[in-house]
Protein backbone atom coordinates (compact mmCIF):
# COMPACT_ATOMS: atom_id res chain seq x y z
CA MET A 1 -10.43 -26.01 0.47
CA LYS A 2 -9.04 -28.42 -2.07
CA PRO A 3 -11.43 -30.73 -3.87
CA LEU A 4 -11.24 -34.35 -2.79
CA ASP A 5 -9.68 -37.00 -4.99
CA PRO A 6 -12.11 -39.35 -6.84
CA ILE A 7 -11.80 -42.19 -4.33
CA SER A 8 -12.40 -39.97 -1.28
CA SER A 9 -15.29 -38.21 -2.98
CA ARG A 10 -17.00 -41.59 -3.56
CA MET A 11 -16.42 -42.61 0.02
CA PHE A 12 -17.60 -39.30 1.51
CA PRO A 13 -20.12 -37.72 -0.90
CA THR A 14 -21.39 -35.11 1.58
CA LEU A 15 -17.84 -34.00 2.38
CA ALA A 16 -17.09 -33.79 -1.36
CA ALA A 17 -20.22 -31.68 -1.93
CA TYR A 18 -19.22 -29.43 0.96
CA ALA A 19 -15.72 -29.03 -0.50
CA ARG A 20 -17.17 -28.08 -3.91
CA LYS A 21 -19.55 -25.57 -2.28
CA VAL A 22 -16.72 -24.00 -0.26
CA ARG A 23 -14.54 -23.82 -3.38
CA ARG A 24 -17.29 -22.00 -5.29
CA ARG A 25 -17.73 -19.55 -2.41
CA GLU A 26 -13.98 -18.91 -2.29
CA LEU A 27 -13.93 -18.17 -6.02
CA LEU A 28 -16.96 -15.92 -5.70
CA ALA A 29 -15.32 -14.06 -2.79
CA LEU A 30 -12.13 -13.66 -4.83
CA VAL A 31 -14.08 -12.23 -7.77
CA ALA A 32 -15.93 -9.86 -5.43
CA ILE A 33 -12.66 -8.66 -3.89
CA VAL A 34 -11.06 -8.06 -7.29
CA LEU A 35 -14.16 -6.24 -8.55
CA SER A 36 -14.37 -4.03 -5.46
CA ALA A 37 -10.64 -3.23 -5.73
CA TYR A 38 -11.18 -2.26 -9.38
CA VAL A 39 -14.12 0.00 -8.53
CA LEU A 40 -12.25 1.60 -5.62
CA GLY A 41 -9.15 2.18 -7.74
CA ARG A 42 -11.19 3.64 -10.57
CA ASP A 43 -12.98 6.02 -8.20
CA MET A 44 -9.72 7.09 -6.58
CA LEU A 45 -8.14 7.73 -9.98
CA SER A 46 -11.18 9.70 -11.12
CA ALA A 47 -11.10 11.83 -7.97
CA TYR A 48 -7.38 12.48 -8.45
CA GLN A 49 -7.88 13.46 -12.09
CA GLY A 50 -10.73 15.77 -11.12
CA ARG A 51 -8.62 17.45 -8.46
CA VAL A 52 -5.70 17.92 -10.87
CA ALA A 53 -8.03 19.29 -13.54
CA ALA A 54 -9.54 21.77 -11.09
CA GLU A 55 -6.10 22.94 -9.98
CA ASN A 56 -4.99 23.36 -13.59
CA MET A 57 -8.17 25.26 -14.45
CA LEU A 58 -7.59 27.67 -11.57
CA ALA A 59 -4.02 28.17 -12.75
CA VAL A 60 -5.21 28.85 -16.31
CA VAL A 61 -7.82 31.37 -15.14
CA THR A 62 -5.19 33.16 -13.06
CA ARG A 63 -2.77 33.22 -16.00
CA VAL A 64 -5.45 34.53 -18.41
CA ASN A 65 -6.31 37.31 -15.95
CA GLU A 66 -2.63 38.24 -15.71
CA ILE A 67 -2.28 38.33 -19.51
CA GLU A 68 -5.41 40.45 -19.82
CA ALA A 69 -4.08 42.90 -17.22
CA GLN A 70 -0.76 43.13 -19.07
CA CYS A 71 -2.53 43.78 -22.38
CA GLN A 72 -4.70 46.49 -20.83
CA GLN A 73 -1.59 48.16 -19.42
CA ALA A 74 0.22 47.99 -22.76
CA GLN A 75 -2.72 49.26 -24.86
CA PRO A 76 -5.39 50.69 -22.57
CA ARG A 77 -7.56 52.32 -25.26
CA ARG A 78 -8.00 49.18 -27.29
CA PHE A 79 -10.14 47.51 -24.60
CA VAL A 80 -12.28 50.56 -23.76
CA LEU A 81 -15.54 50.39 -25.70
CA THR A 82 -17.98 53.24 -25.36
CA LYS A 83 -21.68 53.07 -26.06
CA ALA A 84 -21.30 55.18 -29.20
CA ALA A 85 -18.50 52.95 -30.53
CA ALA A 86 -20.63 49.87 -29.94
CA GLN A 87 -23.54 51.44 -31.88
CA VAL A 88 -21.24 52.31 -34.79
CA GLY A 89 -19.89 48.76 -34.86
CA ALA A 90 -23.39 47.29 -34.77
CA ALA A 91 -24.51 49.62 -37.58
CA LYS A 92 -21.57 48.53 -39.75
CA LYS A 93 -22.40 44.86 -39.23
CA GLU A 94 -26.05 45.48 -40.13
CA GLU A 95 -24.99 47.24 -43.37
CA GLU A 96 -22.70 44.31 -44.24
CA ARG A 97 -25.57 41.87 -43.76
CA ARG A 98 -27.94 43.90 -45.95
CA GLU A 99 -25.55 44.35 -48.91
CA PRO A 100 -25.39 40.76 -50.30
């Protein structure tokens, strides 16, 4: 609702007050609509980004597993670690820590 001109607002003060009140409510409703659209858009974008990130993470995990399988096929002994080899490695690290 448009505000009344000065002459009409003097002649009809209650109508002018009503027009001002309706104008304020319209502006408040417009602000509420814009704010809710912003929140909805932000949430939709966040959900989309989360879905894309999850898909990419699954693709990366699959690719890393494939690379690991290829490396184990190419050099199978390098990835096999026995209990004795682990103890020897731990003993070497302990000696290195004690020396300095």
